Amino acid sequence: IHDVVSDLRRKNKSLQLLRVGGGPNNAGLSASDLSGLSSLCSSKPSSKQQQSTTTLVKTALVAACVCLAQLTFLVQCFATFCVERLDRKKGDPMMPLRRKNVPSSTKKSKEKQPPRLSVIIPAHNESAAIGRTVEKVRSAARDPVEIVLVDGGSTDATIEVARPSVDVVLRAAGGRGQALVAGADAATGDYLLFLHADTLVPPDFDVALCHALEDPKTLLCAFTLRFDDSDNDDILLDLVASAANFRARFLHLPFGDQGLALTRTSLEALGGVRPIPILEDVDLVLRARKHARKTRQRVALLAPQVRTSPRRYLHSGLLKANVLNALLLLWWQLGATPEAIFATYYGAAAAAPPGAAGEKTK
């Protein structure tokens, strides 16, 4: 009995033993006490306790794996950052900033009329999200902006939902890269914002973008990322967003879900968006970062937050989505073609949706 009591005490379980006589070192237990003690010793944790412990362990393992995937992702980005610096040719001087000689009369006329912003939104079967995104662009802008919707062959009501609130509707085949090319060609604004169909802009986003891009040292800018967690309160999503913001701020590598903005002149200097089916945002930002070092400019992260839907992470699983992103980026850096990555990401049978010629409305 003494051994059992000691064992229970080591497990932080309290027992109340009834002393039945004898000296201070001579304690006895009744038959009922022995029966209760025996049942207590043989008792097992309840199913609820086991489930709670299992859930806690699973959550901890998933969090550790997500952290590892994000760390791997950041290491890849940092390696690319270092390689770009080492690859700079010796004796290749930094190109000074070049400013076009604009006549004074033209300068005055442009000061009276602020530059117009065009928001380019590629979409494919986004009828559930596009209406909210477009309305948010309209309501959050302080000044009038142009909205260009580029549909990639949707089979749902994406165009019908968005048409009343957009200025231009286009149809383009070949993936998101081709959609951005078509949208940039059709846009009339001096400043361009490439926005995902499930991303909500912050209030006065146009003022923040124009103010940042008016600085000749800013080549490209993006917003701080936050996941739209109105229906989900997941600390792991906050971890992913924090890692993305860290990557954008210190490695100058924001992605498309943060919204990418630049002037038309800067886009032409970079050679435009490549018409590739996937990773077109990474390709554009990498070229912008490399060009910014030569011209002594920067890729800037703005303080206002965009809210992006976490549906991709929730659908495929947070751990799977992070690991897959890291592996695909590594594969791309090792020389894989965007077409091969697209087929792997969306399935071997995935094909670019058919598209028609551009259609303009309003």
Protein backbone atom coordinates (compact mmCIF):
# COMPACT_ATOMS: atom_id res chain seq x y z
CA ILE A 1 0.00 0.00 0.00
CA HIS A 2 2.88 2.31 0.80
CA ASP A 3 4.32 1.75 -2.69
CA VAL A 4 0.95 2.45 -4.33
CA VAL A 5 0.45 5.67 -2.35
CA SER A 6 3.96 6.85 -3.26
CA ASP A 7 3.30 6.12 -6.90
CA LEU A 8 0.05 8.08 -6.83
CA ARG A 9 1.76 11.00 -5.15
CA ARG A 10 4.39 11.03 -7.86
CA LYS A 11 1.56 11.37 -10.38
CA ASN A 12 0.22 14.43 -8.52
CA LYS A 13 -2.94 12.64 -7.41
CA SER A 14 -4.20 13.42 -3.95
CA LEU A 15 -5.61 10.73 -1.69
CA GLN A 16 -7.29 11.01 1.64
CA LEU A 17 -6.39 8.01 3.79
CA LEU A 18 -8.40 7.37 6.90
CA ARG A 19 -6.20 6.53 9.88
CA VAL A 20 -7.73 3.67 11.90
CA GLY A 21 -5.55 3.67 15.00
CA GLY A 22 -1.99 2.76 15.92
CA GLY A 23 0.98 4.99 16.40
CA PRO A 24 2.13 7.80 14.12
CA ASN A 25 4.03 5.32 11.96
CA ASN A 26 1.44 2.57 12.10
CA ALA A 27 -1.54 3.42 9.90
CA GLY A 28 -4.30 0.98 8.87
CA LEU A 29 -6.96 1.06 6.16
CA SER A 30 -10.46 -0.35 6.27
CA ALA A 31 -11.79 -2.78 3.65
CA SER A 32 -13.81 -0.02 1.97
CA ASP A 33 -10.71 2.21 1.79
CA LEU A 34 -8.74 -0.63 0.25
CA SER A 35 -11.50 -1.18 -2.30
CA GLY A 36 -11.57 2.54 -3.22
CA LEU A 37 -7.79 2.63 -3.40
CA SER A 38 -7.74 -0.40 -5.68
CA SER A 39 -10.31 1.13 -8.02
CA LEU A 40 -8.38 4.41 -8.05
CA CYS A 41 -5.14 2.65 -8.90
CA SER A 42 -6.75 0.73 -11.73
CA SER A 43 -8.67 3.70 -13.14
CA LYS A 44 -7.79 4.94 -16.67
CA PRO A 45 -8.02 8.40 -18.21
CA SER A 46 -11.44 9.24 -19.62
CA SER A 47 -12.07 9.29 -23.37
CA LYS A 48 -12.50 13.06 -23.29
CA GLN A 49 -9.09 13.48 -21.70
CA GLN A 50 -7.55 11.18 -24.29
CA GLN A 51 -9.20 13.08 -27.15
CA SER A 52 -8.09 16.41 -25.70
CA THR A 53 -4.51 15.21 -25.39
CA THR A 54 -4.53 13.77 -28.91
CA THR A 55 -5.91 17.03 -30.36
CA LEU A 56 -3.27 19.07 -28.52
CA VAL A 57 -0.47 16.84 -29.81
CA LYS A 58 -1.79 17.00 -33.39
CA THR A 59 -2.08 20.81 -33.25
CA ALA A 60 1.47 21.10 -31.93
CA LEU A 61 2.82 18.84 -34.68
CA VAL A 62 0.99 20.75 -37.42
CA ALA A 63 2.24 24.08 -36.02
CA ALA A 64 5.80 22.75 -35.95
CA CYS A 65 5.54 21.49 -39.55
CA VAL A 66 4.05 24.79 -40.76
CA CYS A 67 6.87 26.68 -39.06
CA LEU A 68 9.39 24.38 -40.72
CA ALA A 69 7.77 24.85 -44.15
CA GLN A 70 7.72 28.63 -43.74
CA LEU A 71 11.33 28.59 -42.60
CA THR A 72 12.31 26.54 -45.65
CA PHE A 73 10.39 28.96 -47.84
CA LEU A 74 12.16 31.97 -46.31
CA VAL A 75 15.54 30.27 -46.68
CA GLN A 76 14.88 29.79 -50.40
CA CYS A 77 13.89 33.44 -50.75
CA PHE A 78 16.99 34.54 -48.82
CA ALA A 79 19.20 32.32 -50.98
CA THR A 80 17.74 33.90 -54.12
CA PHE A 81 18.33 37.32 -52.56
CA CYS A 82 22.01 36.49 -51.93
CA VAL A 83 22.56 34.93 -55.36
CA GLU A 84 21.24 38.03 -57.07
CA ARG A 85 23.77 40.13 -55.20
CA LEU A 86 26.66 37.79 -56.00
CA ASP A 87 25.70 37.59 -59.68
CA ARG A 88 26.11 41.30 -60.16
CA LYS A 89 28.88 41.82 -62.68
CA LYS A 90 32.04 43.48 -61.50
CA GLY A 91 32.45 46.94 -62.84
CA ASP A 92 28.77 47.21 -63.67
CA PRO A 93 27.97 50.58 -62.11
CA MET A 94 24.66 51.22 -60.49
CA MET A 95 22.43 52.96 -62.98
CA PRO A 96 21.34 56.38 -61.78
CA LEU A 97 17.71 57.28 -61.68
CA ARG A 98 16.58 58.80 -64.93
CA ARG A 99 13.86 61.34 -65.01
CA LYS A 100 12.22 62.36 -68.21
CA ASN A 101 12.43 66.01 -69.10
CA VAL A 102 8.79 67.01 -69.00
CA PRO A 103 7.84 70.52 -70.12
CA SER A 104 6.71 72.81 -67.34
CA SER A 105 3.24 73.21 -68.88
CA THR A 106 2.77 69.44 -68.85
CA LYS A 107 3.90 69.24 -65.23
CA LYS A 108 1.32 71.81 -64.19
CA SER A 109 -1.47 70.06 -66.02
CA LYS A 110 -0.60 66.74 -64.34
CA GLU A 111 -0.45 68.39 -60.92
CA LYS A 112 -4.02 69.59 -61.37
CA GLN A 113 -5.24 66.11 -62.33
CA PRO A 114 -3.98 63.28 -60.13
CA PRO A 115 -2.88 60.19 -62.05
CA ARG A 116 -5.58 57.64 -62.65
CA LEU A 117 -5.31 54.16 -61.15
CA SER A 118 -6.37 51.03 -63.00
CA VAL A 119 -7.18 47.93 -60.95
CA ILE A 120 -6.69 44.73 -62.97
CA ILE A 121 -8.49 41.65 -61.58
CA PRO A 122 -7.95 38.24 -63.21
CA ALA A 123 -10.75 35.77 -62.41
CA HIS A 124 -11.76 32.22 -63.17
CA ASN A 125 -15.00 30.84 -61.67
CA GLU A 126 -15.04 33.52 -58.96
CA SER A 127 -18.77 34.31 -58.87
CA ALA A 128 -18.83 33.82 -55.08
CA ALA A 129 -16.04 36.33 -54.39
CA ILE A 130 -15.80 38.78 -57.29
CA GLY A 131 -18.84 40.86 -56.36
CA ARG A 132 -17.50 41.61 -52.89
CA THR A 133 -14.02 42.38 -54.24
CA VAL A 134 -15.26 44.82 -56.90
CA GLU A 135 -17.62 46.60 -54.53
CA LYS A 136 -14.83 46.99 -52.00
CA VAL A 137 -12.59 48.56 -54.65
CA ARG A 138 -15.34 51.06 -55.49
CA SER A 139 -16.19 51.94 -51.90
CA ALA A 140 -12.63 52.06 -50.56
CA ALA A 141 -11.20 54.34 -53.28
CA ARG A 142 -11.15 58.03 -52.49
CA ASP A 143 -10.86 59.02 -56.16
CA PRO A 144 -12.40 57.36 -59.23
CA VAL A 145 -10.49 54.29 -60.36
CA GLU A 146 -10.75 52.08 -63.44
CA ILE A 147 -11.56 48.40 -62.86
CA VAL A 148 -10.56 45.90 -65.53
CA LEU A 149 -11.88 42.35 -65.14
CA VAL A 150 -10.08 39.65 -67.14
CA ASP A 151 -12.01 36.39 -67.20
CA GLY A 152 -10.10 33.20 -67.89
CA GLY A 153 -13.01 31.20 -69.30
CA SER A 154 -15.32 30.97 -66.30
CA THR A 155 -18.21 28.54 -66.48
CA ASP A 156 -20.14 30.23 -63.69
CA ALA A 157 -21.66 33.72 -63.37
CA THR A 158 -18.40 35.58 -62.73
CA ILE A 159 -18.86 38.06 -65.58
CA GLU A 160 -22.56 38.61 -64.89
CA VAL A 161 -21.90 39.36 -61.21
CA ALA A 162 -19.02 41.77 -61.88
CA ARG A 163 -20.21 43.50 -65.06
CA PRO A 164 -22.40 46.21 -63.42
CA SER A 165 -19.47 47.49 -61.33
CA VAL A 166 -16.48 47.25 -63.68
CA ASP A 167 -15.35 49.45 -66.54
CA VAL A 168 -13.80 46.84 -68.85
CA VAL A 169 -14.50 43.11 -69.26
CA LEU A 170 -12.03 40.95 -71.15
CA ARG A 171 -11.70 37.28 -71.89
CA ALA A 172 -8.21 35.78 -72.09
CA ALA A 173 -6.88 32.23 -72.26
CA GLY A 174 -3.58 30.85 -71.03
CA GLY A 175 -3.64 31.32 -67.27
CA ARG A 176 -3.21 34.25 -64.94
CA GLY A 177 -0.06 35.59 -66.61
CA GLN A 178 -1.82 35.99 -69.94
CA ALA A 179 -4.77 37.58 -68.15
CA LEU A 180 -2.51 40.20 -66.56
CA VAL A 181 -0.93 40.95 -69.94
CA ALA A 182 -4.36 41.51 -71.51
CA GLY A 183 -5.53 43.62 -68.58
CA ALA A 184 -2.45 45.85 -68.61
CA ASP A 185 -2.81 46.41 -72.36
CA ALA A 186 -6.48 47.40 -72.00
CA ALA A 187 -6.05 49.61 -68.92
CA THR A 188 -5.81 53.36 -69.39
CA GLY A 189 -4.39 54.35 -66.00
CA ASP A 190 -0.87 55.59 -65.35
CA TYR A 191 -0.70 53.40 -62.24
CA LEU A 192 -1.57 49.70 -62.31
CA LEU A 193 -2.68 47.45 -59.45
CA PHE A 194 -2.82 43.69 -60.03
CA LEU A 195 -5.36 42.32 -57.56
CA HIS A 196 -6.59 38.79 -56.89
CA ALA A 197 -10.31 38.15 -57.16
CA ASP A 198 -10.57 37.14 -53.48
CA THR A 199 -8.55 40.03 -52.01
CA LEU A 200 -10.19 43.03 -50.31
CA VAL A 201 -8.38 46.38 -50.44
CA PRO A 202 -8.08 48.71 -47.41
CA PRO A 203 -9.77 52.12 -47.17
CA ASP A 204 -8.14 54.84 -49.30
CA PHE A 205 -5.91 52.24 -50.94
CA ASP A 206 -5.61 54.40 -54.05
CA VAL A 207 -4.18 57.30 -52.07
CA ALA A 208 -1.61 55.05 -50.40
CA LEU A 209 -0.54 53.55 -53.73
CA CYS A 210 -0.31 56.85 -55.58
CA HIS A 211 1.64 58.42 -52.72
CA ALA A 212 4.13 55.53 -52.71
CA LEU A 213 4.56 55.39 -56.49
CA GLU A 214 5.01 59.16 -56.78
CA ASP A 215 8.34 58.62 -55.04
CA PRO A 216 10.81 57.95 -57.89
CA LYS A 217 12.70 55.55 -55.61
CA THR A 218 9.72 53.16 -55.46
CA LEU A 219 9.65 50.73 -58.36
CA LEU A 220 6.96 48.37 -57.08
CA CYS A 221 4.87 48.23 -53.93
CA ALA A 222 2.49 45.86 -52.18
CA PHE A 223 0.22 45.85 -49.15
CA THR A 224 0.70 44.11 -45.83
CA LEU A 225 -1.03 40.72 -45.87
CA ARG A 226 -3.80 39.65 -43.55
CA PHE A 227 -6.11 36.71 -44.01
CA ASP A 228 -9.84 37.36 -44.06
CA ASP A 229 -10.62 35.36 -40.93
CA SER A 230 -14.18 36.53 -40.34
CA ASP A 231 -15.23 32.87 -40.22
CA ASN A 232 -11.96 31.44 -38.94
CA ASP A 233 -9.79 32.37 -36.00
CA ASP A 234 -6.69 30.30 -36.62
CA ILE A 235 -3.37 31.31 -35.14
CA LEU A 236 -1.61 29.27 -37.82
CA LEU A 237 -3.03 31.58 -40.51
CA ASP A 238 -1.59 34.53 -38.60
CA LEU A 239 1.74 32.72 -38.62
CA VAL A 240 1.63 32.29 -42.40
CA ALA A 241 0.68 35.96 -42.89
CA SER A 242 3.50 37.10 -40.58
CA ALA A 243 6.01 35.02 -42.55
CA ALA A 244 4.75 36.52 -45.83
CA ASN A 245 5.07 40.06 -44.45
CA PHE A 246 8.56 39.29 -43.15
CA ARG A 247 9.54 38.01 -46.61
CA ALA A 248 8.08 41.09 -48.30
CA ARG A 249 9.63 43.60 -45.91
CA PHE A 250 13.15 42.25 -45.48
CA LEU A 251 13.66 40.17 -48.64
CA HIS A 252 11.63 42.51 -50.88
CA LEU A 253 9.57 39.62 -52.26
CA PRO A 254 5.80 40.19 -51.96
CA PHE A 255 3.42 37.87 -53.79
CA GLY A 256 0.24 38.45 -55.77
CA ASP A 257 -2.14 37.94 -52.84
CA GLN A 258 -0.74 41.17 -51.36
CA GLY A 259 -1.63 43.21 -54.44
CA LEU A 260 1.21 44.35 -56.72
CA ALA A 261 1.27 47.98 -57.91
CA LEU A 262 3.63 49.85 -60.21
CA THR A 263 3.54 52.56 -62.85
CA ARG A 264 3.02 51.74 -66.50
CA THR A 265 6.48 53.13 -67.23
CA SER A 266 8.03 50.79 -64.65
CA LEU A 267 6.13 47.81 -66.06
CA GLU A 268 7.44 48.58 -69.55
CA ALA A 269 10.98 48.94 -68.17
CA LEU A 270 10.67 45.45 -66.69
CA GLY A 271 9.49 44.01 -69.98
CA GLY A 272 5.89 43.58 -68.87
CA VAL A 273 4.26 40.56 -67.28
CA ARG A 274 5.34 37.24 -68.73
CA PRO A 275 2.38 35.27 -70.14
CA ILE A 276 3.02 32.16 -68.04
CA PRO A 277 0.23 30.10 -66.46
CA ILE A 278 1.57 30.13 -62.88
CA LEU A 279 4.09 31.98 -60.67
CA GLU A 280 3.71 35.10 -62.80
CA ASP A 281 3.73 37.22 -59.63
CA VAL A 282 6.99 35.69 -58.36
CA ASP A 283 8.59 36.17 -61.77
CA LEU A 284 7.53 39.83 -61.92
CA VAL A 285 8.71 40.64 -58.40
CA LEU A 286 12.06 38.90 -58.87
CA ARG A 287 12.71 40.92 -62.03
CA ALA A 288 11.57 44.09 -60.27
CA ARG A 289 13.88 43.44 -57.32
CA LYS A 290 16.85 42.86 -59.60
CA HIS A 291 16.06 45.96 -61.66
CA ALA A 292 15.57 48.04 -58.50
CA ARG A 293 19.12 47.35 -57.37
CA LYS A 294 20.50 48.60 -60.67
CA THR A 295 18.42 51.76 -60.61
CA ARG A 296 18.76 52.38 -56.86
CA GLN A 297 15.07 51.91 -56.35
CA ARG A 298 13.13 49.65 -54.01
CA VAL A 299 10.29 47.17 -53.72
CA ALA A 300 8.22 48.65 -50.91
CA LEU A 301 5.77 47.12 -48.43
CA LEU A 302 2.93 49.48 -47.47
CA ALA A 303 1.42 49.55 -43.98
CA PRO A 304 -2.29 49.28 -44.97
CA GLN A 305 -3.51 45.69 -44.91
CA VAL A 306 -5.31 43.77 -47.62
CA ARG A 307 -7.54 40.89 -46.53
CA THR A 308 -7.10 37.76 -48.60
CA SER A 309 -9.31 34.70 -48.38
CA PRO A 310 -7.61 31.69 -46.73
CA ARG A 311 -9.78 29.27 -48.70
CA ARG A 312 -6.81 27.72 -50.52
CA TYR A 313 -5.19 26.82 -47.21
CA LEU A 314 -8.43 25.64 -45.67
CA HIS A 315 -9.37 23.53 -48.69
CA SER A 316 -6.13 21.60 -49.10
CA GLY A 317 -4.92 21.88 -45.52
CA LEU A 318 -2.55 24.41 -44.02
CA LEU A 319 0.39 22.03 -43.78
CA LYS A 320 -0.04 20.60 -47.29
CA ALA A 321 -0.43 24.04 -48.88
CA ASN A 322 2.73 25.40 -47.22
CA VAL A 323 4.86 22.39 -48.08
CA LEU A 324 3.58 22.36 -51.66
CA ASN A 325 4.32 26.07 -52.12
CA ALA A 326 7.87 25.62 -50.85
CA LEU A 327 8.51 22.59 -53.07
CA LEU A 328 7.08 24.24 -56.20
CA LEU A 329 9.15 27.37 -55.69
CA LEU A 330 12.27 25.25 -55.21
CA TRP A 331 11.43 23.26 -58.33
CA TRP A 332 10.98 26.46 -60.31
CA GLN A 333 14.31 27.82 -59.10
CA LEU A 334 15.96 24.58 -60.18
CA GLY A 335 14.78 25.12 -63.75
CA ALA A 336 11.29 23.64 -64.06
CA THR A 337 9.03 25.26 -66.64
CA PRO A 338 5.89 27.11 -65.53
CA GLU A 339 3.81 24.74 -67.66
CA ALA A 340 5.15 21.69 -65.79
CA ILE A 341 4.53 23.36 -62.43
CA PHE A 342 1.01 24.32 -63.52
CA ALA A 343 0.24 20.73 -64.52
CA THR A 344 1.59 19.45 -61.19
CA TYR A 345 -0.26 22.02 -59.10
CA TYR A 346 -3.64 21.75 -60.81
CA GLY A 347 -3.36 18.18 -62.10
CA ALA A 348 -1.91 16.67 -65.23
CA ALA A 349 -5.24 16.99 -67.04
CA ALA A 350 -5.51 20.71 -66.33
CA ALA A 351 -5.55 22.85 -69.43
CA ALA A 352 -5.90 26.56 -70.05
CA PRO A 353 -9.54 27.46 -70.49
CA PRO A 354 -10.57 28.61 -73.93
CA GLY A 355 -10.97 32.33 -74.39
CA ALA A 356 -12.34 34.71 -76.88
CA ALA A 357 -11.27 38.10 -78.06
CA GLY A 358 -11.40 41.02 -75.68
CA GLU A 359 -14.79 42.43 -74.94
CA LYS A 360 -15.13 45.96 -73.57
CA THR A 361 -18.10 47.36 -71.75
CA LYS A 362 -19.02 50.83 -70.59
